[in-house]
Amino acid sequence: MSSETWPGSVFARLYDGHPDPWGFETRDYERRKYARTLAVLGGRRFDFALELGCSIGVMTAELAPYCSRLLGVDVAEAALLRARARCRGWPGVSFHQGHLPGAFPALPPGSCDLIVVSEFLYFLSRADIGGLAERVLTVRRSDAAILLVNWTGPTDTPCTGDEAADLFVRQCRGARVNGAFSERQDGYRIDLLAGNIKAG
């Protein structure tokens, strides 16, 4: 297992070879995870949400009804083409292509009241997880919810899902952004940081 962040070319090859390499559209695991993620947010509406690692936009489309504006970020252009097509009926949804954390979108400080990082953190090195957390903390509003979802099974990525989540949560706690909710489900964990949400 390499300790380095996966390069963007890996994801480009994955999506060039298969339109949905992780089965976001078809797997029961994904459907259960999306439903639970939305339930944790408790039906709250958001002004400006940021979804990091949006892939083909399946979760983006689930979040869109609850967000006045929603920006999805992914490195793979083939994935973003599918995400744009999926979300074309939502005028408040837009997308940004970039390899995180370096190509984090240029957003005003304190602009986002929801940041979702789902099934993405463990592709980053430990240092890059820290760098991403710093950028997230910069763009979050004081009442923002930061929602992490991470696979907890075996992986060949730089970190396990648990290691990645713990690193990110620890950095947020260092900035006095505390966890409001954490749970483990079959194959994944959800962590909710701050935000005026009482998870159900």
C-alpha atoms as a PDB file:
ATOM      1  CA  MET A   1       0.000   0.000   0.000  1.00  0.00           C
ATOM      2  CA  SER A   2       1.521   3.326  -1.058  1.00  0.00           C
ATOM      3  CA  SER A   3       1.418   6.166   1.452  1.00  0.00           C
ATOM      4  CA  GLU A   4       1.171   8.774  -1.322  1.00  0.00           C
ATOM      5  CA  THR A   5      -2.038  10.423  -2.522  1.00  0.00           C
ATOM      6  CA  TRP A   6      -3.425   8.650  -5.569  1.00  0.00           C
ATOM      7  CA  PRO A   7      -2.682  10.729  -8.695  1.00  0.00           C
ATOM      8  CA  GLY A   8      -5.528  12.056 -10.812  1.00  0.00           C
ATOM      9  CA  SER A   9      -4.472   9.826 -13.699  1.00  0.00           C
ATOM     10  CA  VAL A  10      -5.576   6.743 -11.728  1.00  0.00           C
ATOM     11  CA  PHE A  11      -9.141   8.038 -11.511  1.00  0.00           C
ATOM     12  CA  ALA A  12      -9.120   9.159 -15.144  1.00  0.00           C
ATOM     13  CA  ARG A  13      -8.198   5.605 -16.197  1.00  0.00           C
ATOM     14  CA  LEU A  14     -10.839   4.082 -13.924  1.00  0.00           C
ATOM     15  CA  TYR A  15     -13.644   6.204 -15.386  1.00  0.00           C
ATOM     16  CA  ASP A  16     -12.387   5.826 -18.937  1.00  0.00           C
ATOM     17  CA  GLY A  17     -12.569   2.054 -18.468  1.00  0.00           C
ATOM     18  CA  HIS A  18     -15.975   1.946 -16.747  1.00  0.00           C
ATOM     19  CA  PRO A  19     -18.716   4.592 -16.399  1.00  0.00           C
ATOM     20  CA  ASP A  20     -19.386   3.599 -12.772  1.00  0.00           C
ATOM     21  CA  PRO A  21     -16.316   1.735 -11.459  1.00  0.00           C
ATOM     22  CA  TRP A  22     -17.531   1.529  -7.842  1.00  0.00           C
ATOM     23  CA  GLY A  23     -21.162   0.726  -8.573  1.00  0.00           C
ATOM     24  CA  PHE A  24     -22.602   3.951  -7.153  1.00  0.00           C
ATOM     25  CA  GLU A  25     -25.742   3.527  -9.237  1.00  0.00           C
ATOM     26  CA  THR A  26     -26.333  -0.165  -8.687  1.00  0.00           C
ATOM     27  CA  ARG A  27     -25.031  -1.527  -5.376  1.00  0.00           C
ATOM     28  CA  ASP A  28     -27.351  -2.032  -2.397  1.00  0.00           C
ATOM     29  CA  TYR A  29     -24.498  -0.857  -0.157  1.00  0.00           C
ATOM     30  CA  GLU A  30     -24.505   2.519  -1.912  1.00  0.00           C
ATOM     31  CA  ARG A  31     -28.296   2.907  -1.697  1.00  0.00           C
ATOM     32  CA  ARG A  32     -28.275   2.163   2.036  1.00  0.00           C
ATOM     33  CA  LYS A  33     -25.369   4.532   2.585  1.00  0.00           C
ATOM     34  CA  TYR A  34     -27.029   7.409   0.683  1.00  0.00           C
ATOM     35  CA  ALA A  35     -30.265   6.949   2.612  1.00  0.00           C
ATOM     36  CA  ARG A  36     -28.454   6.946   5.957  1.00  0.00           C
ATOM     37  CA  THR A  37     -26.331   9.956   5.010  1.00  0.00           C
ATOM     38  CA  LEU A  38     -29.443  11.982   4.205  1.00  0.00           C
ATOM     39  CA  ALA A  39     -31.127  10.792   7.410  1.00  0.00           C
ATOM     40  CA  VAL A  40     -28.158  12.045   9.448  1.00  0.00           C
ATOM     41  CA  LEU A  41     -28.635  15.508   7.923  1.00  0.00           C
ATOM     42  CA  GLY A  42     -32.175  15.416   9.259  1.00  0.00           C
ATOM     43  CA  GLY A  43     -33.944  17.225   6.430  1.00  0.00           C
ATOM     44  CA  ARG A  44     -32.153  20.522   7.109  1.00  0.00           C
ATOM     45  CA  ARG A  45     -31.882  22.942   4.188  1.00  0.00           C
ATOM     46  CA  PHE A  46     -28.543  24.489   3.243  1.00  0.00           C
ATOM     47  CA  ASP A  47     -27.580  27.721   1.503  1.00  0.00           C
ATOM     48  CA  PHE A  48     -24.307  26.570  -0.055  1.00  0.00           C
ATOM     49  CA  ALA A  49     -23.058  22.999   0.106  1.00  0.00           C
ATOM     50  CA  LEU A  50     -19.690  21.652  -1.042  1.00  0.00           C
ATOM     51  CA  GLU A  51     -19.314  17.992  -1.989  1.00  0.00           C
ATOM     52  CA  LEU A  52     -15.727  16.820  -2.311  1.00  0.00           C
ATOM     53  CA  GLY A  53     -15.193  13.717  -4.433  1.00  0.00           C
ATOM     54  CA  CYS A  54     -18.623  13.829  -6.074  1.00  0.00           C
ATOM     55  CA  SER A  55     -17.796  11.237  -8.764  1.00  0.00           C
ATOM     56  CA  ILE A  56     -20.721  10.670 -11.167  1.00  0.00           C
ATOM     57  CA  GLY A  57     -23.089  12.745  -9.058  1.00  0.00           C
ATOM     58  CA  VAL A  58     -25.348  10.119  -7.494  1.00  0.00           C
ATOM     59  CA  MET A  59     -25.059  11.622  -4.006  1.00  0.00           C
ATOM     60  CA  THR A  60     -25.058  15.104  -5.543  1.00  0.00           C
ATOM     61  CA  ALA A  61     -28.527  14.478  -6.957  1.00  0.00           C
ATOM     62  CA  GLU A  62     -29.699  13.212  -3.556  1.00  0.00           C
ATOM     63  CA  LEU A  63     -28.389  16.351  -1.833  1.00  0.00           C
ATOM     64  CA  ALA A  64     -29.640  18.840  -4.443  1.00  0.00           C
ATOM     65  CA  PRO A  65     -33.251  19.160  -3.157  1.00  0.00           C
ATOM     66  CA  TYR A  66     -31.905  20.340   0.205  1.00  0.00           C
ATOM     67  CA  CYS A  67     -29.431  22.939  -1.116  1.00  0.00           C
ATOM     68  CA  SER A  68     -29.951  26.353  -2.689  1.00  0.00           C
ATOM     69  CA  ARG A  69     -26.467  26.000  -4.170  1.00  0.00           C
ATOM     70  CA  LEU A  70     -24.285  22.914  -4.361  1.00  0.00           C
ATOM     71  CA  LEU A  71     -20.774  22.636  -5.770  1.00  0.00           C
ATOM     72  CA  GLY A  72     -19.445  19.165  -6.559  1.00  0.00           C
ATOM     73  CA  VAL A  73     -15.707  18.596  -6.981  1.00  0.00           C
ATOM     74  CA  ASP A  74     -13.960  15.680  -8.645  1.00  0.00           C
ATOM     75  CA  VAL A  75     -10.715  15.068 -10.526  1.00  0.00           C
ATOM     76  CA  ALA A  76     -12.078  12.867 -13.343  1.00  0.00           C
ATOM     77  CA  GLU A  77     -13.655  14.720 -16.261  1.00  0.00           C
ATOM     78  CA  ALA A  78     -15.481  11.576 -17.419  1.00  0.00           C
ATOM     79  CA  ALA A  79     -17.135  11.329 -13.999  1.00  0.00           C
ATOM     80  CA  LEU A  80     -18.089  15.012 -14.051  1.00  0.00           C
ATOM     81  CA  LEU A  81     -19.684  14.673 -17.488  1.00  0.00           C
ATOM     82  CA  ARG A  82     -22.054  12.091 -16.035  1.00  0.00           C
ATOM     83  CA  ALA A  83     -22.606  14.162 -12.897  1.00  0.00           C
ATOM     84  CA  ARG A  84     -23.544  17.247 -14.948  1.00  0.00           C
ATOM     85  CA  ALA A  85     -26.001  15.212 -17.019  1.00  0.00           C
ATOM     86  CA  ARG A  86     -27.542  13.673 -13.897  1.00  0.00           C
ATOM     87  CA  CYS A  87     -28.013  17.043 -12.181  1.00  0.00           C
ATOM     88  CA  ARG A  88     -28.990  19.199 -15.173  1.00  0.00           C
ATOM     89  CA  GLY A  89     -32.482  19.674 -13.720  1.00  0.00           C
ATOM     90  CA  TRP A  90     -31.060  21.435 -10.656  1.00  0.00           C
ATOM     91  CA  PRO A  91     -29.973  24.990 -11.596  1.00  0.00           C
ATOM     92  CA  GLY A  92     -28.258  25.519  -8.255  1.00  0.00           C
ATOM     93  CA  VAL A  93     -25.843  22.639  -8.831  1.00  0.00           C
ATOM     94  CA  SER A  94     -22.431  23.262 -10.406  1.00  0.00           C
ATOM     95  CA  PHE A  95     -19.172  21.345 -10.685  1.00  0.00           C
ATOM     96  CA  HIS A  96     -15.442  21.996 -10.435  1.00  0.00           C
ATOM     97  CA  GLN A  97     -12.704  19.749 -11.783  1.00  0.00           C
ATOM     98  CA  GLY A  98      -9.573  19.518  -9.704  1.00  0.00           C
ATOM     99  CA  HIS A  99      -7.172  17.202  -7.880  1.00  0.00           C
ATOM    100  CA  LEU A 100      -7.647  17.757  -4.155  1.00  0.00           C
ATOM    101  CA  PRO A 101      -6.382  19.164  -1.941  1.00  0.00           C
ATOM    102  CA  GLY A 102      -4.217  21.313  -4.243  1.00  0.00           C
ATOM    103  CA  ALA A 103      -6.998  22.308  -6.638  1.00  0.00           C
ATOM    104  CA  PHE A 104      -9.508  23.153  -3.918  1.00  0.00           C
ATOM    105  CA  PRO A 105     -12.091  25.551  -5.397  1.00  0.00           C
ATOM    106  CA  ALA A 106     -11.537  29.269  -4.794  1.00  0.00           C
ATOM    107  CA  LEU A 107     -14.377  30.043  -2.399  1.00  0.00           C
ATOM    108  CA  PRO A 108     -14.752  32.958   0.016  1.00  0.00           C
ATOM    109  CA  PRO A 109     -13.906  32.173   3.635  1.00  0.00           C
ATOM    110  CA  GLY A 110     -16.968  31.177   5.625  1.00  0.00           C
ATOM    111  CA  SER A 111     -19.134  30.564   2.565  1.00  0.00           C
ATOM    112  CA  CYS A 112     -20.312  26.942   3.031  1.00  0.00           C
ATOM    113  CA  ASP A 113     -22.856  25.673   5.531  1.00  0.00           C
ATOM    114  CA  LEU A 114     -22.466  22.033   4.493  1.00  0.00           C
ATOM    115  CA  ILE A 115     -19.303  20.212   3.442  1.00  0.00           C
ATOM    116  CA  VAL A 116     -19.634  16.538   2.477  1.00  0.00           C
ATOM    117  CA  VAL A 117     -16.540  14.352   2.109  1.00  0.00           C
ATOM    118  CA  SER A 118     -17.827  10.906   1.179  1.00  0.00           C
ATOM    119  CA  GLU A 119     -15.680   7.877   0.261  1.00  0.00           C
ATOM    120  CA  PHE A 120     -12.758  10.086  -0.706  1.00  0.00           C
ATOM    121  CA  LEU A 121     -10.454  10.866   2.225  1.00  0.00           C
ATOM    122  CA  TYR A 122      -8.623   7.523   2.251  1.00  0.00           C
ATOM    123  CA  PHE A 123      -7.277   8.141  -1.264  1.00  0.00           C
ATOM    124  CA  LEU A 124      -5.144  10.940   0.239  1.00  0.00           C
ATOM    125  CA  SER A 125      -1.857  10.807   2.102  1.00  0.00           C
ATOM    126  CA  ARG A 126      -1.882  11.706   5.778  1.00  0.00           C
ATOM    127  CA  ALA A 127      -0.359  15.109   4.965  1.00  0.00           C
ATOM    128  CA  ASP A 128      -2.949  15.809   2.273  1.00  0.00           C
ATOM    129  CA  ILE A 129      -5.794  14.861   4.616  1.00  0.00           C
ATOM    130  CA  GLY A 130      -4.461  17.540   6.944  1.00  0.00           C
ATOM    131  CA  GLY A 131      -4.220  20.020   4.067  1.00  0.00           C
ATOM    132  CA  LEU A 132      -7.774  19.286   2.981  1.00  0.00           C
ATOM    133  CA  ALA A 133      -9.067  19.725   6.519  1.00  0.00           C
ATOM    134  CA  GLU A 134      -7.399  23.154   6.688  1.00  0.00           C
ATOM    135  CA  ARG A 135      -9.138  24.252   3.487  1.00  0.00           C
ATOM    136  CA  VAL A 136     -12.493  22.890   4.659  1.00  0.00           C
ATOM    137  CA  LEU A 137     -12.158  24.762   7.938  1.00  0.00           C
ATOM    138  CA  THR A 138     -11.446  27.972   6.012  1.00  0.00           C
ATOM    139  CA  VAL A 139     -14.597  27.816   3.872  1.00  0.00           C
ATOM    140  CA  ARG A 140     -16.988  26.565   6.562  1.00  0.00           C
ATOM    141  CA  ARG A 141     -19.507  28.891   8.110  1.00  0.00           C
ATOM    142  CA  SER A 142     -19.564  28.992  11.898  1.00  0.00           C
ATOM    143  CA  ASP A 143     -22.768  26.913  11.924  1.00  0.00           C
ATOM    144  CA  ALA A 144     -21.691  24.593   9.108  1.00  0.00           C
ATOM    145  CA  ALA A 145     -22.040  20.836   9.155  1.00  0.00           C
ATOM    146  CA  ILE A 146     -19.045  18.792   8.022  1.00  0.00           C
ATOM    147  CA  LEU A 147     -20.121  15.279   7.090  1.00  0.00           C
ATOM    148  CA  LEU A 148     -17.608  12.474   6.539  1.00  0.00           C
ATOM    149  CA  VAL A 149     -18.461   9.033   5.139  1.00  0.00           C
ATOM    150  CA  ASN A 150     -15.711   6.421   4.932  1.00  0.00           C
ATOM    151  CA  TRP A 151     -15.494   2.763   3.915  1.00  0.00           C
ATOM    152  CA  THR A 152     -14.147   0.702   6.813  1.00  0.00           C
ATOM    153  CA  GLY A 153     -13.288  -2.541   5.027  1.00  0.00           C
ATOM    154  CA  PRO A 154      -9.947  -3.673   3.579  1.00  0.00           C
ATOM    155  CA  THR A 155      -8.331  -1.266   1.146  1.00  0.00           C
ATOM    156  CA  ASP A 156      -5.090  -0.675  -0.748  1.00  0.00           C
ATOM    157  CA  THR A 157      -5.336   3.115  -0.381  1.00  0.00           C
ATOM    158  CA  PRO A 158      -2.823   5.329   1.506  1.00  0.00           C
ATOM    159  CA  CYS A 159      -4.975   5.210   4.655  1.00  0.00           C
ATOM    160  CA  THR A 160      -7.796   3.026   5.842  1.00  0.00           C
ATOM    161  CA  GLY A 161     -11.188   4.690   6.145  1.00  0.00           C
ATOM    162  CA  ASP A 162     -10.857   4.747   9.920  1.00  0.00           C
ATOM    163  CA  GLU A 163      -7.369   6.270   9.820  1.00  0.00           C
ATOM    164  CA  ALA A 164      -8.483   8.927   7.333  1.00  0.00           C
ATOM    165  CA  ALA A 165     -11.577   9.871   9.313  1.00  0.00           C
ATOM    166  CA  ASP A 166      -9.679   9.987  12.606  1.00  0.00           C
ATOM    167  CA  LEU A 167      -6.991  12.238  11.134  1.00  0.00           C
ATOM    168  CA  PHE A 168      -9.555  14.649   9.707  1.00  0.00           C
ATOM    169  CA  VAL A 169     -11.631  14.718  12.902  1.00  0.00           C
ATOM    170  CA  ARG A 170      -8.531  15.266  15.030  1.00  0.00           C
ATOM    171  CA  GLN A 171      -7.490  18.278  12.950  1.00  0.00           C
ATOM    172  CA  CYS A 172     -10.963  19.758  13.240  1.00  0.00           C
ATOM    173  CA  ARG A 173     -10.958  19.274  16.992  1.00  0.00           C
ATOM    174  CA  GLY A 174      -7.634  21.081  17.099  1.00  0.00           C
ATOM    175  CA  ALA A 175      -9.467  24.034  15.531  1.00  0.00           C
ATOM    176  CA  ARG A 176     -12.234  23.651  18.142  1.00  0.00           C
ATOM    177  CA  VAL A 177     -14.698  22.136  15.707  1.00  0.00           C
ATOM    178  CA  ASN A 178     -16.041  19.192  17.650  1.00  0.00           C
ATOM    179  CA  GLY A 179     -17.828  16.055  16.622  1.00  0.00           C
ATOM    180  CA  ALA A 180     -21.587  16.082  17.005  1.00  0.00           C
ATOM    181  CA  PHE A 181     -22.271  12.518  15.918  1.00  0.00           C
ATOM    182  CA  SER A 182     -20.436   9.361  14.917  1.00  0.00           C
ATOM    183  CA  GLU A 183     -21.687   5.897  14.028  1.00  0.00           C
ATOM    184  CA  ARG A 184     -20.621   2.698  12.341  1.00  0.00           C
ATOM    185  CA  GLN A 185     -22.777   0.855   9.850  1.00  0.00           C
ATOM    186  CA  ASP A 186     -22.116  -2.309   7.854  1.00  0.00           C
ATOM    187  CA  GLY A 187     -18.958  -1.428   5.915  1.00  0.00           C
ATOM    188  CA  TYR A 188     -18.780   2.307   6.583  1.00  0.00           C
ATOM    189  CA  ARG A 189     -18.712   5.007   9.232  1.00  0.00           C
ATOM    190  CA  ILE A 190     -20.331   8.440   9.356  1.00  0.00           C
ATOM    191  CA  ASP A 191     -18.906  11.393  11.298  1.00  0.00           C
ATOM    192  CA  LEU A 192     -20.772  14.673  11.654  1.00  0.00           C
ATOM    193  CA  LEU A 193     -18.766  17.654  12.855  1.00  0.00           C
ATOM    194  CA  ALA A 194     -20.437  20.772  14.244  1.00  0.00           C
ATOM    195  CA  GLY A 195     -23.556  22.093  12.559  1.00  0.00           C
ATOM    196  CA  ASN A 196     -26.943  22.726  14.155  1.00  0.00           C
ATOM    197  CA  ILE A 197     -28.138  19.198  13.427  1.00  0.00           C
ATOM    198  CA  LYS A 198     -29.483  16.548  15.736  1.00  0.00           C
ATOM    199  CA  ALA A 199     -28.780  13.384  13.824  1.00  0.00           C
ATOM    200  CA  GLY A 200     -31.583  10.840  13.748  1.00  0.00           C
END
